[in-house]
C-alpha cells in the first residue's frame, strides 16, 4: 500500500463517455513501428476502462500511494467498491503486469 504508481503509457479521455482509453502501441519493435505504423490508420490498440478504472487511472499522479488512492476510491464510490483494498490491489497488479504503470522508487 506504500507503493506509488506512475503512468507508463499514453492515454486519452473518450469525448462521448468521459472514460479513459489506454493507448497501447500495436508494434513494439522499432523497425516495425517505423515502417508499418505509418501504413495503419491507427497505430494503437485502445483499452477502455470503466467508471471505476477511469477514477483510479486519474488518481495515479506519481505522488499518491496506493493507500491514498484506495481512500479516495472508497470515498467516491462507497459500498460499490468493497472490498476496496483487494479490488484496487488486483487492478494495480494488472496494470503493472501489462506495463501500463511502474512504481516510483
PDB file of N, CA and C in Angstrom:
ATOM      1  N   UNK A   1       0.808  -1.199   0.000  1.00  0.00           N
ATOM      2  CA  UNK A   1       0.000   0.000   0.000  1.00  0.00           C
ATOM      3  C   UNK A   1       0.855   1.269   0.000  1.00  0.00           C
ATOM      4  N   UNK A   2       2.156   1.114   0.233  1.00  0.00           N
ATOM      5  CA  UNK A   2       3.040   2.278   0.235  1.00  0.00           C
ATOM      6  C   UNK A   2       3.626   2.576  -1.136  1.00  0.00           C
ATOM      7  N   UNK A   3       3.368   1.696  -2.103  1.00  0.00           N
ATOM      8  CA  UNK A   3       3.902   1.895  -3.449  1.00  0.00           C
ATOM      9  C   UNK A   3       3.225   3.093  -4.116  1.00  0.00           C
ATOM     10  N   UNK A   4       4.004   3.816  -4.893  1.00  0.00           N
ATOM     11  CA  UNK A   4       3.481   4.971  -5.626  1.00  0.00           C
ATOM     12  C   UNK A   4       3.493   4.627  -7.108  1.00  0.00           C
ATOM     13  N   UNK A   5       2.305   4.403  -7.705  1.00  0.00           N
ATOM     14  CA  UNK A   5       2.262   4.077  -9.137  1.00  0.00           C
ATOM     15  C   UNK A   5       2.484   5.313 -10.018  1.00  0.00           C
ATOM     16  N   UNK A   6       3.143   5.080 -11.151  1.00  0.00           N
ATOM     17  CA  UNK A   6       3.424   6.129 -12.129  1.00  0.00           C
ATOM     18  C   UNK A   6       2.989   5.612 -13.501  1.00  0.00           C
ATOM     19  N   UNK A   7       2.286   6.435 -14.264  1.00  0.00           N
ATOM     20  CA  UNK A   7       1.797   6.038 -15.590  1.00  0.00           C
ATOM     21  C   UNK A   7       2.965   5.834 -16.547  1.00  0.00           C
ATOM     22  N   UNK A   8       2.804   4.822 -17.409  1.00  0.00           N
ATOM     23  CA  UNK A   8       3.862   4.424 -18.330  1.00  0.00           C
ATOM     24  C   UNK A   8       3.396   4.436 -19.779  1.00  0.00           C
ATOM     25  N   UNK A   9       2.188   4.851 -20.034  1.00  0.00           N
ATOM     26  CA  UNK A   9       1.583   4.676 -21.348  1.00  0.00           C
ATOM     27  C   UNK A   9       0.741   5.903 -21.683  1.00  0.00           C
ATOM     28  N   UNK A  10       0.596   6.137 -22.977  1.00  0.00           N
ATOM     29  CA  UNK A  10      -0.275   7.233 -23.409  1.00  0.00           C
ATOM     30  C   UNK A  10      -1.731   6.869 -23.156  1.00  0.00           C
ATOM     31  N   UNK A  11      -2.554   7.886 -22.956  1.00  0.00           N
ATOM     32  CA  UNK A  11      -3.968   7.653 -22.708  1.00  0.00           C
ATOM     33  C   UNK A  11      -4.761   8.865 -23.178  1.00  0.00           C
ATOM     34  N   UNK A  12      -6.063   8.674 -23.280  1.00  0.00           N
ATOM     35  CA  UNK A  12      -6.946   9.749 -23.719  1.00  0.00           C
ATOM     36  C   UNK A  12      -8.290   9.596 -23.031  1.00  0.00           C
ATOM     37  N   UNK A  13      -9.042  10.661 -23.022  1.00  0.00           N
ATOM     38  CA  UNK A  13     -10.392  10.628 -22.481  1.00  0.00           C
ATOM     39  C   UNK A  13     -11.358  10.569 -23.661  1.00  0.00           C
ATOM     40  N   UNK A  14     -12.234   9.571 -23.657  1.00  0.00           N
ATOM     41  CA  UNK A  14     -13.208   9.424 -24.733  1.00  0.00           C
ATOM     42  C   UNK A  14     -14.154  10.631 -24.690  1.00  0.00           C
ATOM     43  N   UNK A  15     -14.329  11.323 -25.816  1.00  0.00           N
ATOM     44  CA  UNK A  15     -15.123  12.555 -25.802  1.00  0.00           C
ATOM     45  C   UNK A  15     -16.608  12.351 -25.471  1.00  0.00           C
ATOM     46  N   UNK A  16     -17.162  11.209 -25.814  1.00  0.00           N
ATOM     47  CA  UNK A  16     -18.591  10.983 -25.578  1.00  0.00           C
ATOM     48  C   UNK A  16     -18.887  10.499 -24.159  1.00  0.00           C
ATOM     49  N   UNK A  17     -18.047   9.601 -23.648  1.00  0.00           N
ATOM     50  CA  UNK A  17     -18.341   8.984 -22.357  1.00  0.00           C
ATOM     51  C   UNK A  17     -17.580   9.611 -21.201  1.00  0.00           C
ATOM     52  N   UNK A  18     -16.458  10.253 -21.476  1.00  0.00           N
ATOM     53  CA  UNK A  18     -15.625  10.801 -20.419  1.00  0.00           C
ATOM     54  C   UNK A  18     -14.771   9.749 -19.733  1.00  0.00           C
ATOM     55  N   UNK A  19     -14.769   8.523 -20.267  1.00  0.00           N
ATOM     56  CA  UNK A  19     -13.982   7.439 -19.687  1.00  0.00           C
ATOM     57  C   UNK A  19     -12.600   7.394 -20.350  1.00  0.00           C
ATOM     58  N   UNK A  20     -11.656   6.804 -19.657  1.00  0.00           N
ATOM     59  CA  UNK A  20     -10.267   6.747 -20.129  1.00  0.00           C
ATOM     60  C   UNK A  20     -10.073   5.569 -21.078  1.00  0.00           C
ATOM     61  N   UNK A  21      -9.338   5.822 -22.145  1.00  0.00           N
ATOM     62  CA  UNK A  21      -8.859   4.788 -23.060  1.00  0.00           C
ATOM     63  C   UNK A  21      -7.342   4.775 -22.964  1.00  0.00           C
ATOM     64  N   UNK A  22      -6.768   3.622 -22.643  1.00  0.00           N
ATOM     65  CA  UNK A  22      -5.320   3.476 -22.623  1.00  0.00           C
ATOM     66  C   UNK A  22      -4.866   3.132 -24.037  1.00  0.00           C
ATOM     67  N   UNK A  23      -3.773   3.739 -24.485  1.00  0.00           N
ATOM     68  CA  UNK A  23      -3.302   3.554 -25.856  1.00  0.00           C
ATOM     69  C   UNK A  23      -2.048   2.691 -25.841  1.00  0.00           C
ATOM     70  N   UNK A  24      -2.208   1.440 -26.259  1.00  0.00           N
ATOM     71  CA  UNK A  24      -1.067   0.511 -26.334  1.00  0.00           C
ATOM     72  C   UNK A  24      -0.624   0.436 -27.800  1.00  0.00           C
ATOM     73  N   UNK A  25       0.655   0.665 -28.081  1.00  0.00           N
ATOM     74  CA  UNK A  25       1.137   0.582 -29.467  1.00  0.00           C
ATOM     75  C   UNK A  25       0.950  -0.826 -30.035  1.00  0.00           C
ATOM     76  N   UNK A  26       0.579  -0.885 -31.306  1.00  0.00           N
ATOM     77  CA  UNK A  26       0.396  -2.184 -31.961  1.00  0.00           C
ATOM     78  C   UNK A  26       1.727  -2.879 -32.207  1.00  0.00           C
ATOM     79  N   UNK A  27       2.790  -2.110 -32.360  1.00  0.00           N
ATOM     80  CA  UNK A  27       4.110  -2.680 -32.604  1.00  0.00           C
ATOM     81  C   UNK A  27       5.084  -2.175 -31.562  1.00  0.00           C
ATOM     82  N   UNK A  28       5.898  -3.093 -31.033  1.00  0.00           N
ATOM     83  CA  UNK A  28       6.905  -2.714 -30.054  1.00  0.00           C
ATOM     84  C   UNK A  28       8.289  -2.604 -30.681  1.00  0.00           C
ATOM     85  N   UNK A  29       8.560  -3.441 -31.664  1.00  0.00           N
ATOM     86  CA  UNK A  29       9.863  -3.423 -32.323  1.00  0.00           C
ATOM     87  C   UNK A  29      10.020  -2.122 -33.114  1.00  0.00           C
ATOM     88  N   UNK A  30      11.153  -1.474 -32.965  1.00  0.00           N
ATOM     89  CA  UNK A  30      11.373  -0.183 -33.609  1.00  0.00           C
ATOM     90  C   UNK A  30      11.256  -0.246 -35.120  1.00  0.00           C
ATOM     91  N   UNK A  31      11.754  -1.325 -35.716  1.00  0.00           N
ATOM     92  CA  UNK A  31      11.696  -1.461 -37.171  1.00  0.00           C
ATOM     93  C   UNK A  31      10.251  -1.547 -37.657  1.00  0.00           C
ATOM     94  N   UNK A  32       9.449  -2.383 -36.989  1.00  0.00           N
ATOM     95  CA  UNK A  32       8.039  -2.496 -37.364  1.00  0.00           C
ATOM     96  C   UNK A  32       7.295  -1.192 -37.122  1.00  0.00           C
ATOM     97  N   UNK A  33       7.596  -0.565 -35.997  1.00  0.00           N
ATOM     98  CA  UNK A  33       6.935   0.700 -35.667  1.00  0.00           C
ATOM     99  C   UNK A  33       7.249   1.758 -36.720  1.00  0.00           C
ATOM    100  N   UNK A  34       8.496   1.774 -37.158  1.00  0.00           N
ATOM    101  CA  UNK A  34       8.930   2.791 -38.115  1.00  0.00           C
ATOM    102  C   UNK A  34       8.283   2.612 -39.489  1.00  0.00           C
ATOM    103  N   UNK A  35       8.188   1.346 -39.952  1.00  0.00           N
ATOM    104  CA  UNK A  35       7.736   1.117 -41.322  1.00  0.00           C
ATOM    105  C   UNK A  35       6.257   0.762 -41.442  1.00  0.00           C
ATOM    106  N   UNK A  36       5.705   0.091 -40.460  1.00  0.00           N
ATOM    107  CA  UNK A  36       4.307  -0.333 -40.577  1.00  0.00           C
ATOM    108  C   UNK A  36       3.313   0.630 -39.949  1.00  0.00           C
ATOM    109  N   UNK A  37       3.703   1.322 -38.899  1.00  0.00           N
ATOM    110  CA  UNK A  37       2.777   2.239 -38.238  1.00  0.00           C
ATOM    111  C   UNK A  37       2.240   3.328 -39.170  1.00  0.00           C
ATOM    112  N   UNK A  38       3.076   3.920 -40.038  1.00  0.00           N
ATOM    113  CA  UNK A  38       2.535   4.941 -40.940  1.00  0.00           C
ATOM    114  C   UNK A  38       1.484   4.393 -41.924  1.00  0.00           C
ATOM    115  N   UNK A  39       1.503   3.091 -42.163  1.00  0.00           N
ATOM    116  CA  UNK A  39       0.541   2.497 -43.090  1.00  0.00           C
ATOM    117  C   UNK A  39      -0.823   2.261 -42.442  1.00  0.00           C
ATOM    118  N   UNK A  40      -0.856   2.252 -41.131  1.00  0.00           N
ATOM    119  CA  UNK A  40      -2.096   1.988 -40.409  1.00  0.00           C
ATOM    120  C   UNK A  40      -2.832   3.292 -40.127  1.00  0.00           C
ATOM    121  N   UNK A  41      -4.151   3.194 -40.087  1.00  0.00           N
ATOM    122  CA  UNK A  41      -4.923   4.384 -39.755  1.00  0.00           C
ATOM    123  C   UNK A  41      -4.764   4.743 -38.277  1.00  0.00           C
ATOM    124  N   UNK A  42      -4.553   3.749 -37.444  1.00  0.00           N
ATOM    125  CA  UNK A  42      -4.356   3.987 -36.019  1.00  0.00           C
ATOM    126  C   UNK A  42      -3.291   3.019 -35.503  1.00  0.00           C
ATOM    127  N   UNK A  43      -2.163   3.526 -35.035  1.00  0.00           N
ATOM    128  CA  UNK A  43      -1.080   2.643 -34.580  1.00  0.00           C
ATOM    129  C   UNK A  43      -1.266   2.113 -33.152  1.00  0.00           C
ATOM    130  N   UNK A  44      -2.439   2.328 -32.558  1.00  0.00           N
ATOM    131  CA  UNK A  44      -2.674   1.928 -31.171  1.00  0.00           C
ATOM    132  C   UNK A  44      -3.862   0.992 -31.022  1.00  0.00           C
ATOM    133  N   UNK A  45      -3.741   0.089 -30.044  1.00  0.00           N
ATOM    134  CA  UNK A  45      -4.904  -0.616 -29.513  1.00  0.00           C
ATOM    135  C   UNK A  45      -5.440   0.277 -28.402  1.00  0.00           C
ATOM    136  N   UNK A  46      -6.737   0.336 -28.240  1.00  0.00           N
ATOM    137  CA  UNK A  46      -7.317   1.139 -27.173  1.00  0.00           C
ATOM    138  C   UNK A  46      -7.973   0.224 -26.149  1.00  0.00           C
ATOM    139  N   UNK A  47      -7.555   0.347 -24.910  1.00  0.00           N
ATOM    140  CA  UNK A  47      -8.126  -0.421 -23.809  1.00  0.00           C
ATOM    141  C   UNK A  47      -9.054   0.516 -23.054  1.00  0.00           C
ATOM    142  N   UNK A  48     -10.335   0.189 -23.079  1.00  0.00           N
ATOM    143  CA  UNK A  48     -11.347   1.060 -22.473  1.00  0.00           C
ATOM    144  C   UNK A  48     -11.543   0.691 -21.007  1.00  0.00           C
ATOM    145  N   UNK A  49     -11.417   1.684 -20.143  1.00  0.00           N
ATOM    146  CA  UNK A  49     -11.633   1.481 -18.723  1.00  0.00           C
ATOM    147  C   UNK A  49     -13.069   1.855 -18.357  1.00  0.00           C
ATOM    148  N   UNK A  50     -13.598   1.191 -17.347  1.00  0.00           N
ATOM    149  CA  UNK A  50     -14.937   1.531 -16.871  1.00  0.00           C
ATOM    150  C   UNK A  50     -14.838   2.739 -15.936  1.00  0.00           C
ATOM    151  N   UNK A  51     -15.939   3.070 -15.294  1.00  0.00           N
ATOM    152  CA  UNK A  51     -16.013   4.245 -14.441  1.00  0.00           C
ATOM    153  C   UNK A  51     -15.022   4.168 -13.274  1.00  0.00           C
ATOM    154  N   UNK A  52     -14.940   3.009 -12.654  1.00  0.00           N
ATOM    155  CA  UNK A  52     -14.047   2.844 -11.506  1.00  0.00           C
ATOM    156  C   UNK A  52     -12.583   2.833 -11.970  1.00  0.00           C
ATOM    157  N   UNK A  53     -12.295   2.134 -13.059  1.00  0.00           N
ATOM    158  CA  UNK A  53     -10.942   2.122 -13.609  1.00  0.00           C
ATOM    159  C   UNK A  53     -10.491   3.515 -14.028  1.00  0.00           C
ATOM    160  N   UNK A  54     -11.406   4.277 -14.614  1.00  0.00           N
ATOM    161  CA  UNK A  54     -11.106   5.651 -15.005  1.00  0.00           C
ATOM    162  C   UNK A  54     -10.764   6.493 -13.782  1.00  0.00           C
ATOM    163  N   UNK A  55     -11.537   6.332 -12.722  1.00  0.00           N
ATOM    164  CA  UNK A  55     -11.274   7.086 -11.491  1.00  0.00           C
ATOM    165  C   UNK A  55      -9.882   6.762 -10.953  1.00  0.00           C
ATOM    166  N   UNK A  56      -9.554   5.475 -10.891  1.00  0.00           N
ATOM    167  CA  UNK A  56      -8.242   5.058 -10.383  1.00  0.00           C
ATOM    168  C   UNK A  56      -7.138   5.602 -11.277  1.00  0.00           C
ATOM    169  N   UNK A  57      -7.302   5.499 -12.594  1.00  0.00           N
ATOM    170  CA  UNK A  57      -6.276   5.966 -13.527  1.00  0.00           C
ATOM    171  C   UNK A  57      -6.013   7.461 -13.342  1.00  0.00           C
ATOM    172  N   UNK A  58      -7.069   8.228 -13.146  1.00  0.00           N
ATOM    173  CA  UNK A  58      -6.898   9.667 -12.969  1.00  0.00           C
ATOM    174  C   UNK A  58      -6.259  10.008 -11.622  1.00  0.00           C
ATOM    175  N   UNK A  59      -6.404   9.125 -10.646  1.00  0.00           N
ATOM    176  CA  UNK A  59      -5.792   9.334  -9.337  1.00  0.00           C
ATOM    177  C   UNK A  59      -4.286   9.030  -9.349  1.00  0.00           C
ATOM    178  N   UNK A  60      -3.850   8.234 -10.309  1.00  0.00           N
ATOM    179  CA  UNK A  60      -2.420   7.905 -10.406  1.00  0.00           C
ATOM    180  C   UNK A  60      -1.698   9.128 -10.964  1.00  0.00           C
ATOM    181  N   UNK A  61      -0.979   9.805 -10.079  1.00  0.00           N
ATOM    182  CA  UNK A  61      -0.312  11.043 -10.481  1.00  0.00           C
ATOM    183  C   UNK A  61       1.182  11.071 -10.153  1.00  0.00           C
ATOM    184  N   UNK A  62       1.713   9.955  -9.637  1.00  0.00           N
ATOM    185  CA  UNK A  62       3.118   9.909  -9.292  1.00  0.00           C
ATOM    186  C   UNK A  62       3.417  10.451  -7.905  1.00  0.00           C
ATOM    187  N   UNK A  63       2.391  10.896  -7.180  1.00  0.00           N
ATOM    188  CA  UNK A  63       2.569  11.415  -5.830  1.00  0.00           C
ATOM    189  C   UNK A  63       1.776  10.621  -4.794  1.00  0.00           C
ATOM    190  N   UNK A  64       0.629  10.095  -5.195  1.00  0.00           N
ATOM    191  CA  UNK A  64      -0.239   9.361  -4.268  1.00  0.00           C
ATOM    192  C   UNK A  64       0.153   7.894  -4.227  1.00  0.00           C
ATOM    193  N   UNK A  65       0.186   7.343  -3.012  1.00  0.00           N
ATOM    194  CA  UNK A  65       0.449   5.915  -2.910  1.00  0.00           C
ATOM    195  C   UNK A  65      -0.871   5.148  -3.026  1.00  0.00           C
ATOM    196  N   UNK A  66      -0.793   3.846  -3.061  1.00  0.00           N
ATOM    197  CA  UNK A  66      -1.975   3.009  -3.277  1.00  0.00           C
ATOM    198  C   UNK A  66      -2.990   3.186  -2.152  1.00  0.00           C
ATOM    199  N   UNK A  67      -2.530   3.379  -0.916  1.00  0.00           N
ATOM    200  CA  UNK A  67      -3.444   3.582   0.208  1.00  0.00           C
ATOM    201  C   UNK A  67      -4.247   4.867   0.040  1.00  0.00           C
ATOM    202  N   UNK A  68      -3.611   5.917  -0.448  1.00  0.00           N
ATOM    203  CA  UNK A  68      -4.320   7.184  -0.680  1.00  0.00           C
ATOM    204  C   UNK A  68      -5.351   7.042  -1.799  1.00  0.00           C
ATOM    205  N   UNK A  69      -4.984   6.308  -2.837  1.00  0.00           N
ATOM    206  CA  UNK A  69      -5.924   6.069  -3.942  1.00  0.00           C
ATOM    207  C   UNK A  69      -7.103   5.245  -3.449  1.00  0.00           C
ATOM    208  N   UNK A  70      -6.839   4.253  -2.593  1.00  0.00           N
ATOM    209  CA  UNK A  70      -7.911   3.425  -2.035  1.00  0.00           C
ATOM    210  C   UNK A  70      -8.882   4.270  -1.211  1.00  0.00           C
ATOM    211  N   UNK A  71      -8.364   5.187  -0.422  1.00  0.00           N
ATOM    212  CA  UNK A  71      -9.220   6.054   0.391  1.00  0.00           C
ATOM    213  C   UNK A  71     -10.089   6.935  -0.496  1.00  0.00           C
ATOM    214  N   UNK A  72      -9.515   7.488  -1.555  1.00  0.00           N
ATOM    215  CA  UNK A  72     -10.285   8.328  -2.478  1.00  0.00           C
ATOM    216  C   UNK A  72     -11.338   7.508  -3.216  1.00  0.00           C
ATOM    217  N   UNK A  73     -10.980   6.291  -3.588  1.00  0.00           N
ATOM    218  CA  UNK A  73     -11.911   5.399  -4.282  1.00  0.00           C
ATOM    219  C   UNK A  73     -13.089   5.049  -3.387  1.00  0.00           C
ATOM    220  N   UNK A  74     -12.800   4.732  -2.150  1.00  0.00           N
ATOM    221  CA  UNK A  74     -13.863   4.387  -1.204  1.00  0.00           C
ATOM    222  C   UNK A  74     -14.758   5.589  -0.933  1.00  0.00           C
ATOM    223  N   UNK A  75     -14.177   6.763  -0.847  1.00  0.00           N
ATOM    224  CA  UNK A  75     -14.960   7.981  -0.612  1.00  0.00           C
ATOM    225  C   UNK A  75     -15.882   8.280  -1.809  1.00  0.00           C
ATOM    226  N   UNK A  76     -15.381   8.058  -3.017  1.00  0.00           N
ATOM    227  CA  UNK A  76     -16.140   8.383  -4.226  1.00  0.00           C
ATOM    228  C   UNK A  76     -17.231   7.356  -4.538  1.00  0.00           C
ATOM    229  N   UNK A  77     -16.967   6.062  -4.291  1.00  0.00           N
ATOM    230  CA  UNK A  77     -17.889   5.020  -4.722  1.00  0.00           C
ATOM    231  C   UNK A  77     -18.545   4.250  -3.582  1.00  0.00           C
ATOM    232  N   UNK A  78     -18.070   4.420  -2.379  1.00  0.00           N
ATOM    233  CA  UNK A  78     -18.681   3.776  -1.219  1.00  0.00           C
ATOM    234  C   UNK A  78     -18.708   2.258  -1.318  1.00  0.00           C
ATOM    235  N   UNK A  79     -19.871   1.683  -1.043  1.00  0.00           N
ATOM    236  CA  UNK A  79     -20.035   0.223  -0.983  1.00  0.00           C
ATOM    237  C   UNK A  79     -19.865  -0.458  -2.335  1.00  0.00           C
ATOM    238  N   UNK A  80     -19.924   0.291  -3.423  1.00  0.00           N
ATOM    239  CA  UNK A  80     -19.772  -0.311  -4.757  1.00  0.00           C
ATOM    240  C   UNK A  80     -18.404  -0.941  -4.966  1.00  0.00           C
ATOM    241  N   UNK A  81     -17.403  -0.499  -4.227  1.00  0.00           N
ATOM    242  CA  UNK A  81     -16.044  -0.984  -4.450  1.00  0.00           C
ATOM    243  C   UNK A  81     -15.528  -1.881  -3.330  1.00  0.00           C
ATOM    244  N   UNK A  82     -16.395  -2.297  -2.429  1.00  0.00           N
ATOM    245  CA  UNK A  82     -15.953  -3.179  -1.330  1.00  0.00           C
ATOM    246  C   UNK A  82     -15.678  -4.563  -1.848  1.00  0.00           C
ATOM    247  N   UNK A  83     -14.673  -5.243  -1.407  1.00  0.00           N
ATOM    248  CA  UNK A  83     -13.571  -4.803  -0.544  1.00  0.00           C
ATOM    249  C   UNK A  83     -12.565  -3.980  -1.348  1.00  0.00           C
ATOM    250  N   UNK A  84     -12.442  -2.725  -1.017  1.00  0.00           N
ATOM    251  CA  UNK A  84     -11.703  -1.759  -1.815  1.00  0.00           C
ATOM    252  C   UNK A  84     -10.215  -2.112  -1.950  1.00  0.00           C
ATOM    253  N   UNK A  85      -9.570  -2.553  -0.885  1.00  0.00           N
ATOM    254  CA  UNK A  85      -8.130  -2.835  -0.958  1.00  0.00           C
ATOM    255  C   UNK A  85      -7.838  -4.043  -1.849  1.00  0.00           C
ATOM    256  N   UNK A  86      -8.668  -5.058  -1.785  1.00  0.00           N
ATOM    257  CA  UNK A  86      -8.474  -6.237  -2.636  1.00  0.00           C
ATOM    258  C   UNK A  86      -8.710  -5.891  -4.104  1.00  0.00           C
ATOM    259  N   UNK A  87      -9.799  -5.189  -4.378  1.00  0.00           N
ATOM    260  CA  UNK A  87     -10.116  -4.830  -5.764  1.00  0.00           C
ATOM    261  C   UNK A  87      -9.061  -3.914  -6.359  1.00  0.00           C
ATOM    262  N   UNK A  88      -8.673  -2.894  -5.599  1.00  0.00           N
ATOM    263  CA  UNK A  88      -7.663  -1.964  -6.094  1.00  0.00           C
ATOM    264  C   UNK A  88      -6.318  -2.664  -6.262  1.00  0.00           C
ATOM    265  N   UNK A  89      -5.974  -3.520  -5.326  1.00  0.00           N
ATOM    266  CA  UNK A  89      -4.713  -4.265  -5.426  1.00  0.00           C
ATOM    267  C   UNK A  89      -4.648  -5.098  -6.690  1.00  0.00           C
ATOM    268  N   UNK A  90      -5.717  -5.803  -6.997  1.00  0.00           N
ATOM    269  CA  UNK A  90      -5.749  -6.620  -8.218  1.00  0.00           C
ATOM    270  C   UNK A  90      -5.649  -5.753  -9.465  1.00  0.00           C
ATOM    271  N   UNK A  91      -6.327  -4.606  -9.455  1.00  0.00           N
ATOM    272  CA  UNK A  91      -6.295  -3.713 -10.610  1.00  0.00           C
ATOM    273  C   UNK A  91      -4.895  -3.131 -10.801  1.00  0.00           C
ATOM    274  N   UNK A  92      -4.261  -2.704  -9.719  1.00  0.00           N
ATOM    275  CA  UNK A  92      -2.909  -2.141  -9.800  1.00  0.00           C
ATOM    276  C   UNK A  92      -1.921  -3.204 -10.294  1.00  0.00           C
ATOM    277  N   UNK A  93      -2.049  -4.426  -9.791  1.00  0.00           N
ATOM    278  CA  UNK A  93      -1.176  -5.522 -10.247  1.00  0.00           C
ATOM    279  C   UNK A  93      -1.387  -5.790 -11.729  1.00  0.00           C
ATOM    280  N   UNK A  94      -2.642  -5.752 -12.179  1.00  0.00           N
ATOM    281  CA  UNK A  94      -2.945  -5.956 -13.593  1.00  0.00           C
ATOM    282  C   UNK A  94      -2.325  -4.850 -14.452  1.00  0.00           C
ATOM    283  N   UNK A  95      -2.416  -3.611 -13.997  1.00  0.00           N
ATOM    284  CA  UNK A  95      -1.800  -2.500 -14.733  1.00  0.00           C
ATOM    285  C   UNK A  95      -0.279  -2.662 -14.804  1.00  0.00           C
ATOM    286  N   UNK A  96       0.318  -3.115 -13.715  1.00  0.00           N
ATOM    287  CA  UNK A  96       1.775  -3.308 -13.670  1.00  0.00           C
ATOM    288  C   UNK A  96       2.204  -4.442 -14.599  1.00  0.00           C
ATOM    289  N   UNK A  97       1.471  -5.552 -14.558  1.00  0.00           N
ATOM    290  CA  UNK A  97       1.812  -6.692 -15.435  1.00  0.00           C
ATOM    291  C   UNK A  97       1.697  -6.321 -16.908  1.00  0.00           C
ATOM    292  N   UNK A  98       0.748  -5.468 -17.227  1.00  0.00           N
ATOM    293  CA  UNK A  98       0.564  -5.034 -18.611  1.00  0.00           C
ATOM    294  C   UNK A  98       1.516  -3.908 -18.994  1.00  0.00           C
ATOM    295  N   UNK A  99       2.339  -3.483 -18.037  1.00  0.00           N
ATOM    296  CA  UNK A  99       3.319  -2.411 -18.232  1.00  0.00           C
ATOM    297  C   UNK A  99       2.663  -1.061 -18.520  1.00  0.00           C
ATOM    298  N   UNK A 100       1.473  -0.855 -17.990  1.00  0.00           N
ATOM    299  CA  UNK A 100       0.805   0.437 -18.119  1.00  0.00           C
ATOM    300  C   UNK A 100       1.268   1.399 -17.030  1.00  0.00           C
ATOM    301  N   UNK A 101       1.748   0.837 -15.925  1.00  0.00           N
ATOM    302  CA  UNK A 101       2.294   1.652 -14.837  1.00  0.00           C
ATOM    303  C   UNK A 101       3.612   1.037 -14.385  1.00  0.00           C
ATOM    304  N   UNK A 102       4.333   1.834 -13.632  1.00  0.00           N
ATOM    305  CA  UNK A 102       5.530   1.362 -12.943  1.00  0.00           C
ATOM    306  C   UNK A 102       5.440   1.917 -11.541  1.00  0.00           C
ATOM    307  N   UNK A 103       6.346   1.528 -10.673  1.00  0.00           N
ATOM    308  CA  UNK A 103       6.338   2.040  -9.312  1.00  0.00           C
ATOM    309  C   UNK A 103       7.490   3.001  -9.132  1.00  0.00           C
ATOM    310  N   UNK A 104       7.208   4.110  -8.483  1.00  0.00           N
ATOM    311  CA  UNK A 104       8.242   5.096  -8.202  1.00  0.00           C
ATOM    312  C   UNK A 104       9.158   4.553  -7.120  1.00  0.00           C
ATOM    313  N   UNK A 105      10.412   4.800  -7.252  1.00  0.00           N
ATOM    314  CA  UNK A 105      11.397   4.290  -6.300  1.00  0.00           C
ATOM    315  C   UNK A 105      11.450   5.157  -5.071  1.00  0.00           C
TER     316      UNK A 105
END
